[in-house]
Amino acid sequence: MTAGNTPHVSVVIGCHQDGRELSTTLDSIADQHDAPDWECLIVANGPFQAGEALKQRLVSDPRFRLLHSFRPGLTEALSIGCSQARGTFIARLDVGDVMVPQRLARQVLALGDDPDVVLCTSAVFVCGPSWEPLWVNRGTEALTGVPIRVDQLPASE
């Protein structure tokens, strides 16, 4: 993405304290294959120390932006990130999580296929501290791979 261009996707991350696991998360964003233009908004919530690796990334790659929230809580941080997002779509990611290399491209494709689709999720692979696979949540069989519009959701009881 060049300066001044509107990104297709804004990835929003809330970060608290030192964000030791943030580097791996940011690497997974930078390594997106066939991804549309994107930006990443890292919202520092509470006492936050940006390490040298993060400072270098912010200087060398303008797609990453560090914002600050002076109110406590992840919800507040995400609200700030979403309000500053310039992308057509917003992708959410937590510190310590990683995206598979095709996530953004696949989700943008799914969202672009039907203008009534407003939310796109993906399978979740839960791993242990050494990235050993623990389990996978692929969603329910009835919903897998099928776009669902809000007006098609079952009524809540």
N, C-alpha and C. Protein backbone atom coordinates (compact mmCIF):
# COMPACT_ATOMS: atom_id res chain seq x y z
N MET A 1 0.85 -1.17 0.00
CA MET A 1 0.00 0.00 0.00
C MET A 1 0.89 1.23 0.00
N THR A 2 0.58 2.15 -0.82
CA THR A 2 1.34 3.39 -0.85
C THR A 2 0.66 4.42 0.03
N ALA A 3 1.42 5.39 0.49
CA ALA A 3 0.89 6.42 1.37
C ALA A 3 -0.29 7.11 0.71
N GLY A 4 -1.35 7.32 1.47
CA GLY A 4 -2.52 8.01 0.94
C GLY A 4 -3.56 7.10 0.35
N ASN A 5 -3.20 5.87 -0.03
CA ASN A 5 -4.18 4.94 -0.57
C ASN A 5 -5.04 4.37 0.55
N THR A 6 -6.27 4.06 0.23
CA THR A 6 -7.15 3.43 1.20
C THR A 6 -6.91 1.93 1.15
N PRO A 7 -6.59 1.32 2.29
CA PRO A 7 -6.38 -0.13 2.30
C PRO A 7 -7.71 -0.87 2.14
N HIS A 8 -7.64 -2.06 1.63
CA HIS A 8 -8.83 -2.89 1.48
C HIS A 8 -9.25 -3.46 2.83
N VAL A 9 -8.25 -3.83 3.66
CA VAL A 9 -8.52 -4.45 4.96
C VAL A 9 -7.73 -3.72 6.04
N SER A 10 -8.40 -3.48 7.16
CA SER A 10 -7.73 -2.96 8.36
C SER A 10 -7.74 -4.09 9.39
N VAL A 11 -6.55 -4.52 9.81
CA VAL A 11 -6.43 -5.52 10.86
C VAL A 11 -6.29 -4.77 12.17
N VAL A 12 -7.16 -5.07 13.14
CA VAL A 12 -7.18 -4.35 14.42
C VAL A 12 -6.77 -5.30 15.54
N ILE A 13 -5.78 -4.86 16.32
CA ILE A 13 -5.24 -5.66 17.43
C ILE A 13 -5.19 -4.78 18.67
N GLY A 14 -5.75 -5.27 19.76
CA GLY A 14 -5.60 -4.60 21.05
C GLY A 14 -4.42 -5.23 21.78
N CYS A 15 -3.55 -4.40 22.36
CA CYS A 15 -2.34 -4.91 23.00
C CYS A 15 -2.17 -4.26 24.36
N HIS A 16 -1.81 -5.06 25.36
CA HIS A 16 -1.65 -4.56 26.72
C HIS A 16 -0.24 -4.90 27.21
N GLN A 17 0.34 -4.01 27.96
CA GLN A 17 1.65 -4.14 28.57
C GLN A 17 2.74 -4.29 27.51
N ASP A 18 3.57 -5.33 27.59
CA ASP A 18 4.73 -5.38 26.71
C ASP A 18 4.50 -6.10 25.39
N GLY A 19 3.43 -6.82 25.24
CA GLY A 19 3.13 -7.47 23.97
C GLY A 19 4.22 -8.40 23.48
N ARG A 20 4.76 -9.22 24.36
CA ARG A 20 5.87 -10.11 23.99
C ARG A 20 5.56 -11.00 22.80
N GLU A 21 4.31 -11.39 22.67
CA GLU A 21 3.93 -12.29 21.58
C GLU A 21 3.48 -11.53 20.33
N LEU A 22 3.57 -10.22 20.37
CA LEU A 22 3.09 -9.40 19.27
C LEU A 22 3.88 -9.62 17.98
N SER A 23 5.16 -9.85 18.08
CA SER A 23 6.00 -9.99 16.89
C SER A 23 5.53 -11.14 15.98
N THR A 24 5.22 -12.28 16.58
CA THR A 24 4.75 -13.43 15.80
C THR A 24 3.42 -13.11 15.12
N THR A 25 2.55 -12.42 15.83
CA THR A 25 1.26 -12.03 15.27
C THR A 25 1.46 -11.09 14.08
N LEU A 26 2.32 -10.10 14.23
CA LEU A 26 2.56 -9.15 13.15
C LEU A 26 3.24 -9.81 11.96
N ASP A 27 4.12 -10.77 12.22
CA ASP A 27 4.75 -11.52 11.12
C ASP A 27 3.70 -12.21 10.27
N SER A 28 2.67 -12.78 10.92
CA SER A 28 1.64 -13.50 10.17
C SER A 28 0.82 -12.55 9.30
N ILE A 29 0.70 -11.32 9.72
CA ILE A 29 -0.01 -10.33 8.90
C ILE A 29 0.86 -9.94 7.71
N ALA A 30 2.12 -9.67 7.97
CA ALA A 30 3.04 -9.28 6.90
C ALA A 30 3.23 -10.39 5.87
N ASP A 31 3.02 -11.64 6.28
CA ASP A 31 3.23 -12.79 5.39
C ASP A 31 1.98 -13.24 4.65
N GLN A 32 0.97 -12.40 4.56
CA GLN A 32 -0.25 -12.77 3.85
C GLN A 32 0.04 -12.92 2.35
N HIS A 33 -0.39 -14.05 1.78
CA HIS A 33 -0.19 -14.32 0.35
C HIS A 33 -1.41 -13.84 -0.43
N ASP A 34 -1.17 -13.25 -1.57
CA ASP A 34 -2.24 -12.79 -2.45
C ASP A 34 -3.23 -11.88 -1.74
N ALA A 35 -2.76 -11.21 -0.70
CA ALA A 35 -3.66 -10.36 0.10
C ALA A 35 -3.88 -9.03 -0.59
N PRO A 36 -5.07 -8.48 -0.39
CA PRO A 36 -5.31 -7.12 -0.87
C PRO A 36 -4.50 -6.15 0.00
N ASP A 37 -4.51 -4.88 -0.40
CA ASP A 37 -3.83 -3.88 0.43
C ASP A 37 -4.42 -3.90 1.83
N TRP A 38 -3.55 -3.80 2.83
CA TRP A 38 -4.02 -3.84 4.21
C TRP A 38 -3.23 -2.85 5.06
N GLU A 39 -3.78 -2.56 6.21
CA GLU A 39 -3.09 -1.82 7.25
C GLU A 39 -3.32 -2.59 8.54
N CYS A 40 -2.46 -2.38 9.51
CA CYS A 40 -2.61 -3.02 10.82
C CYS A 40 -2.55 -1.95 11.89
N LEU A 41 -3.63 -1.85 12.67
CA LEU A 41 -3.71 -0.90 13.76
C LEU A 41 -3.51 -1.65 15.07
N ILE A 42 -2.42 -1.34 15.75
CA ILE A 42 -2.10 -1.93 17.04
C ILE A 42 -2.48 -0.89 18.08
N VAL A 43 -3.47 -1.21 18.93
CA VAL A 43 -3.93 -0.25 19.92
C VAL A 43 -3.37 -0.65 21.27
N ALA A 44 -2.41 0.15 21.75
CA ALA A 44 -1.77 -0.10 23.04
C ALA A 44 -2.71 0.39 24.14
N ASN A 45 -3.07 -0.53 25.01
CA ASN A 45 -4.03 -0.25 26.06
C ASN A 45 -3.35 -0.40 27.41
N GLY A 46 -3.29 0.67 28.17
CA GLY A 46 -2.62 0.62 29.47
C GLY A 46 -1.12 0.79 29.30
N PRO A 47 -0.36 0.38 30.30
CA PRO A 47 1.10 0.54 30.23
C PRO A 47 1.67 -0.37 29.14
N PHE A 48 2.29 0.22 28.15
CA PHE A 48 2.78 -0.54 26.99
C PHE A 48 4.20 -0.12 26.67
N GLN A 49 5.08 -1.08 26.54
CA GLN A 49 6.46 -0.83 26.15
C GLN A 49 6.69 -1.42 24.76
N ALA A 50 6.88 -0.57 23.78
CA ALA A 50 7.17 -1.05 22.43
C ALA A 50 8.63 -1.48 22.39
N GLY A 51 8.85 -2.76 22.12
CA GLY A 51 10.21 -3.27 22.02
C GLY A 51 10.88 -2.78 20.75
N GLU A 52 12.16 -3.04 20.65
CA GLU A 52 12.94 -2.57 19.48
C GLU A 52 12.41 -3.15 18.18
N ALA A 53 12.00 -4.42 18.19
CA ALA A 53 11.48 -5.04 16.96
C ALA A 53 10.23 -4.31 16.48
N LEU A 54 9.33 -3.98 17.40
CA LEU A 54 8.11 -3.26 17.02
C LEU A 54 8.45 -1.85 16.55
N LYS A 55 9.33 -1.17 17.24
CA LYS A 55 9.72 0.17 16.82
C LYS A 55 10.30 0.15 15.40
N GLN A 56 11.14 -0.84 15.11
CA GLN A 56 11.74 -0.96 13.78
C GLN A 56 10.67 -1.24 12.72
N ARG A 57 9.72 -2.12 13.05
CA ARG A 57 8.66 -2.44 12.11
C ARG A 57 7.83 -1.19 11.80
N LEU A 58 7.52 -0.40 12.83
CA LEU A 58 6.72 0.80 12.63
C LEU A 58 7.44 1.82 11.76
N VAL A 59 8.76 1.89 11.89
CA VAL A 59 9.55 2.82 11.09
C VAL A 59 9.67 2.32 9.65
N SER A 60 9.86 1.01 9.48
CA SER A 60 10.16 0.47 8.14
C SER A 60 8.92 0.11 7.32
N ASP A 61 7.77 -0.07 7.96
CA ASP A 61 6.57 -0.49 7.23
C ASP A 61 5.38 0.37 7.64
N PRO A 62 5.00 1.35 6.82
CA PRO A 62 3.93 2.27 7.18
C PRO A 62 2.55 1.62 7.26
N ARG A 63 2.43 0.36 6.85
CA ARG A 63 1.15 -0.33 6.98
C ARG A 63 0.81 -0.62 8.44
N PHE A 64 1.82 -0.62 9.31
CA PHE A 64 1.61 -0.84 10.74
C PHE A 64 1.54 0.51 11.44
N ARG A 65 0.48 0.71 12.24
CA ARG A 65 0.33 1.95 13.00
C ARG A 65 0.07 1.62 14.46
N LEU A 66 0.74 2.33 15.34
CA LEU A 66 0.56 2.17 16.78
C LEU A 66 -0.30 3.31 17.29
N LEU A 67 -1.43 2.95 17.92
CA LEU A 67 -2.33 3.91 18.52
C LEU A 67 -2.32 3.68 20.03
N HIS A 68 -2.79 4.65 20.79
CA HIS A 68 -2.81 4.50 22.24
C HIS A 68 -4.22 4.73 22.77
N SER A 69 -4.60 3.90 23.73
CA SER A 69 -5.87 4.05 24.43
C SER A 69 -5.55 4.38 25.88
N PHE A 70 -6.15 5.42 26.38
CA PHE A 70 -5.87 5.82 27.75
C PHE A 70 -6.96 5.34 28.71
N ARG A 71 -7.92 4.60 28.18
CA ARG A 71 -8.95 3.99 29.01
C ARG A 71 -8.68 2.49 29.07
N PRO A 72 -8.91 1.87 30.21
CA PRO A 72 -8.62 0.44 30.33
C PRO A 72 -9.62 -0.43 29.56
N GLY A 73 -9.16 -1.59 29.16
CA GLY A 73 -10.04 -2.59 28.59
C GLY A 73 -9.85 -2.82 27.11
N LEU A 74 -10.00 -4.09 26.74
CA LEU A 74 -9.86 -4.50 25.35
C LEU A 74 -10.96 -3.89 24.49
N THR A 75 -12.18 -3.84 25.00
CA THR A 75 -13.28 -3.28 24.22
C THR A 75 -12.99 -1.84 23.82
N GLU A 76 -12.48 -1.06 24.74
CA GLU A 76 -12.13 0.33 24.44
C GLU A 76 -11.04 0.41 23.38
N ALA A 77 -10.02 -0.43 23.53
CA ALA A 77 -8.92 -0.44 22.55
C ALA A 77 -9.43 -0.80 21.16
N LEU A 78 -10.28 -1.81 21.08
CA LEU A 78 -10.81 -2.22 19.78
C LEU A 78 -11.73 -1.17 19.18
N SER A 79 -12.47 -0.49 20.03
CA SER A 79 -13.33 0.58 19.56
C SER A 79 -12.50 1.70 18.92
N ILE A 80 -11.40 2.05 19.56
CA ILE A 80 -10.50 3.06 19.01
C ILE A 80 -9.91 2.58 17.68
N GLY A 81 -9.43 1.33 17.65
CA GLY A 81 -8.86 0.78 16.43
C GLY A 81 -9.85 0.79 15.28
N CYS A 82 -11.07 0.35 15.54
CA CYS A 82 -12.09 0.31 14.49
C CYS A 82 -12.47 1.72 14.03
N SER A 83 -12.48 2.68 14.95
CA SER A 83 -12.82 4.05 14.57
C SER A 83 -11.74 4.69 13.70
N GLN A 84 -10.50 4.23 13.83
CA GLN A 84 -9.39 4.76 13.04
C GLN A 84 -9.11 3.95 11.78
N ALA A 85 -9.79 2.82 11.64
CA ALA A 85 -9.57 1.95 10.48
C ALA A 85 -10.01 2.64 9.19
N ARG A 86 -9.18 2.50 8.16
CA ARG A 86 -9.49 3.12 6.88
C ARG A 86 -9.94 2.10 5.85
N GLY A 87 -9.84 0.82 6.18
CA GLY A 87 -10.15 -0.23 5.23
C GLY A 87 -11.63 -0.41 4.97
N THR A 88 -11.92 -1.03 3.85
CA THR A 88 -13.29 -1.40 3.52
C THR A 88 -13.78 -2.46 4.49
N PHE A 89 -12.89 -3.37 4.86
CA PHE A 89 -13.21 -4.45 5.80
C PHE A 89 -12.30 -4.36 7.01
N ILE A 90 -12.79 -4.87 8.15
CA ILE A 90 -11.99 -4.94 9.36
C ILE A 90 -11.79 -6.39 9.73
N ALA A 91 -10.54 -6.76 9.97
CA ALA A 91 -10.20 -8.10 10.45
C ALA A 91 -9.71 -7.96 11.88
N ARG A 92 -10.13 -8.85 12.76
CA ARG A 92 -9.76 -8.81 14.17
C ARG A 92 -8.77 -9.91 14.46
N LEU A 93 -7.77 -9.57 15.27
CA LEU A 93 -6.76 -10.55 15.64
C LEU A 93 -6.27 -10.21 17.04
N ASP A 94 -6.00 -11.25 17.84
CA ASP A 94 -5.48 -11.05 19.19
C ASP A 94 -3.98 -11.24 19.20
N VAL A 95 -3.31 -10.59 20.14
CA VAL A 95 -1.88 -10.78 20.33
C VAL A 95 -1.63 -12.26 20.64
N GLY A 96 -0.64 -12.82 19.99
CA GLY A 96 -0.32 -14.23 20.18
C GLY A 96 -0.97 -15.13 19.15
N ASP A 97 -1.99 -14.63 18.46
CA ASP A 97 -2.63 -15.40 17.40
C ASP A 97 -1.90 -15.16 16.09
N VAL A 98 -2.02 -16.10 15.17
CA VAL A 98 -1.45 -15.93 13.84
C VAL A 98 -2.50 -16.27 12.79
N MET A 99 -2.36 -15.66 11.64
CA MET A 99 -3.25 -15.93 10.51
C MET A 99 -2.54 -16.87 9.55
N VAL A 100 -3.30 -17.80 8.97
CA VAL A 100 -2.72 -18.60 7.90
C VAL A 100 -2.47 -17.64 6.74
N PRO A 101 -1.50 -17.96 5.88
CA PRO A 101 -1.08 -17.00 4.85
C PRO A 101 -2.15 -16.55 3.86
N GLN A 102 -3.25 -17.28 3.73
CA GLN A 102 -4.29 -16.91 2.76
C GLN A 102 -5.54 -16.33 3.42
N ARG A 103 -5.51 -16.10 4.73
CA ARG A 103 -6.74 -15.69 5.42
C ARG A 103 -7.36 -14.44 4.83
N LEU A 104 -6.61 -13.36 4.75
CA LEU A 104 -7.20 -12.10 4.29
C LEU A 104 -7.72 -12.21 2.86
N ALA A 105 -6.96 -12.84 1.99
CA ALA A 105 -7.39 -12.98 0.59
C ALA A 105 -8.69 -13.77 0.50
N ARG A 106 -8.78 -14.86 1.24
CA ARG A 106 -9.98 -15.70 1.20
C ARG A 106 -11.19 -14.99 1.79
N GLN A 107 -10.98 -14.27 2.89
CA GLN A 107 -12.12 -13.59 3.50
C GLN A 107 -12.61 -12.43 2.65
N VAL A 108 -11.70 -11.69 2.05
CA VAL A 108 -12.12 -10.60 1.17
C VAL A 108 -12.87 -11.16 -0.04
N LEU A 109 -12.42 -12.28 -0.57
CA LEU A 109 -13.12 -12.92 -1.68
C LEU A 109 -14.53 -13.32 -1.26
N ALA A 110 -14.66 -13.92 -0.09
CA ALA A 110 -15.99 -14.34 0.40
C ALA A 110 -16.89 -13.13 0.62
N LEU A 111 -16.36 -12.07 1.19
CA LEU A 111 -17.16 -10.88 1.44
C LEU A 111 -17.54 -10.16 0.15
N GLY A 112 -16.66 -10.21 -0.82
CA GLY A 112 -16.92 -9.52 -2.08
C GLY A 112 -17.90 -10.24 -2.99
N ASP A 113 -18.13 -11.53 -2.75
CA ASP A 113 -19.04 -12.31 -3.59
C ASP A 113 -20.50 -11.93 -3.42
N ASP A 114 -20.86 -11.41 -2.26
CA ASP A 114 -22.26 -11.11 -1.97
C ASP A 114 -22.32 -9.85 -1.11
N PRO A 115 -22.88 -8.77 -1.63
CA PRO A 115 -22.91 -7.53 -0.87
C PRO A 115 -23.73 -7.61 0.42
N ASP A 116 -24.57 -8.64 0.56
CA ASP A 116 -25.36 -8.80 1.78
C ASP A 116 -24.58 -9.47 2.91
N VAL A 117 -23.41 -10.05 2.59
CA VAL A 117 -22.61 -10.69 3.62
C VAL A 117 -21.86 -9.61 4.39
N VAL A 118 -22.02 -9.61 5.71
CA VAL A 118 -21.40 -8.58 6.54
C VAL A 118 -20.40 -9.13 7.53
N LEU A 119 -20.28 -10.44 7.62
CA LEU A 119 -19.36 -11.06 8.57
C LEU A 119 -18.80 -12.32 7.96
N CYS A 120 -17.51 -12.50 8.10
CA CYS A 120 -16.85 -13.69 7.58
C CYS A 120 -15.89 -14.18 8.65
N THR A 121 -16.01 -15.44 9.01
CA THR A 121 -15.12 -16.02 10.01
C THR A 121 -14.34 -17.16 9.37
N SER A 122 -13.54 -17.82 10.16
CA SER A 122 -12.74 -18.90 9.61
C SER A 122 -12.59 -19.99 10.66
N ALA A 123 -12.01 -21.10 10.25
CA ALA A 123 -11.69 -22.16 11.20
C ALA A 123 -10.67 -21.63 12.20
N VAL A 124 -10.72 -22.17 13.40
CA VAL A 124 -9.78 -21.76 14.43
C VAL A 124 -8.97 -22.98 14.84
N PHE A 125 -7.66 -22.87 14.71
CA PHE A 125 -6.75 -23.93 15.12
C PHE A 125 -6.17 -23.52 16.46
N VAL A 126 -6.47 -24.29 17.50
CA VAL A 126 -5.98 -23.97 18.84
C VAL A 126 -4.70 -24.77 19.07
N CYS A 127 -3.63 -24.03 19.43
CA CYS A 127 -2.32 -24.65 19.62
C CYS A 127 -1.82 -24.37 21.03
N GLY A 128 -0.93 -25.22 21.48
CA GLY A 128 -0.30 -25.04 22.77
C GLY A 128 0.86 -24.06 22.69
N PRO A 129 1.59 -23.87 23.79
CA PRO A 129 2.65 -22.87 23.84
C PRO A 129 3.80 -23.09 22.85
N SER A 130 3.99 -24.32 22.41
CA SER A 130 5.04 -24.60 21.42
C SER A 130 4.43 -24.81 20.03
N TRP A 131 3.26 -24.26 19.81
CA TRP A 131 2.51 -24.36 18.57
C TRP A 131 2.10 -25.79 18.24
N GLU A 132 2.03 -26.66 19.27
CA GLU A 132 1.54 -28.01 19.02
C GLU A 132 0.01 -27.95 18.89
N PRO A 133 -0.53 -28.62 17.85
CA PRO A 133 -1.98 -28.56 17.63
C PRO A 133 -2.73 -29.24 18.77
N LEU A 134 -3.75 -28.56 19.29
CA LEU A 134 -4.59 -29.12 20.34
C LEU A 134 -5.95 -29.54 19.79
N TRP A 135 -6.61 -28.65 19.06
CA TRP A 135 -7.88 -28.96 18.41
C TRP A 135 -8.21 -27.90 17.38
N VAL A 136 -9.20 -28.21 16.53
CA VAL A 136 -9.63 -27.31 15.47
C VAL A 136 -11.13 -27.10 15.60
N ASN A 137 -11.56 -25.87 15.52
CA ASN A 137 -12.98 -25.55 15.47
C ASN A 137 -13.27 -25.05 14.06
N ARG A 138 -13.96 -25.87 13.30
CA ARG A 138 -14.29 -25.52 11.91
C ARG A 138 -15.71 -24.97 11.77
N GLY A 139 -16.41 -24.81 12.87
CA GLY A 139 -17.80 -24.35 12.80
C GLY A 139 -18.72 -25.55 12.63
N THR A 140 -20.00 -25.29 12.59
CA THR A 140 -20.94 -26.38 12.41
C THR A 140 -21.00 -26.78 10.95
N GLU A 141 -21.31 -28.03 10.71
CA GLU A 141 -21.35 -28.55 9.35
C GLU A 141 -22.32 -27.76 8.48
N ALA A 142 -23.44 -27.37 9.06
CA ALA A 142 -24.45 -26.64 8.30
C ALA A 142 -23.95 -25.27 7.83
N LEU A 143 -22.98 -24.69 8.54
CA LEU A 143 -22.52 -23.36 8.19
C LEU A 143 -21.22 -23.33 7.42
N THR A 144 -20.48 -24.43 7.42
CA THR A 144 -19.16 -24.45 6.80
C THR A 144 -19.23 -24.09 5.33
N GLY A 145 -18.53 -23.04 4.98
CA GLY A 145 -18.42 -22.63 3.58
C GLY A 145 -19.67 -22.00 3.01
N VAL A 146 -20.69 -21.79 3.81
CA VAL A 146 -21.94 -21.23 3.30
C VAL A 146 -22.11 -19.82 3.84
N PRO A 147 -22.10 -18.81 2.98
CA PRO A 147 -22.33 -17.46 3.48
C PRO A 147 -23.72 -17.35 4.09
N ILE A 148 -23.83 -16.69 5.23
CA ILE A 148 -25.11 -16.52 5.91
C ILE A 148 -25.34 -15.03 6.08
N ARG A 149 -26.51 -14.58 5.69
CA ARG A 149 -26.87 -13.20 5.90
C ARG A 149 -27.51 -13.06 7.26
N VAL A 150 -27.40 -11.87 7.86
CA VAL A 150 -27.96 -11.63 9.20
C VAL A 150 -29.44 -11.96 9.22
N ASP A 151 -30.16 -11.62 8.18
CA ASP A 151 -31.61 -11.89 8.17
C ASP A 151 -31.93 -13.38 8.03
N GLN A 152 -30.90 -14.22 7.81
CA GLN A 152 -31.12 -15.66 7.70
C GLN A 152 -30.80 -16.38 9.01
N LEU A 153 -30.28 -15.67 10.02
CA LEU A 153 -29.95 -16.30 11.29
C LEU A 153 -31.22 -16.67 12.03
N PRO A 154 -31.18 -17.77 12.79
CA PRO A 154 -32.37 -18.13 13.56
C PRO A 154 -32.65 -17.06 14.62
N ALA A 155 -33.92 -16.87 14.92
CA ALA A 155 -34.30 -15.90 15.94
C ALA A 155 -33.82 -16.39 17.30
N SER A 156 -33.30 -15.46 18.12
CA SER A 156 -32.85 -15.84 19.45
C SER A 156 -34.07 -16.00 20.35
N GLU A 157 -33.91 -16.89 21.32
CA GLU A 157 -35.04 -17.17 22.23
C GLU A 157 -34.99 -16.26 23.42
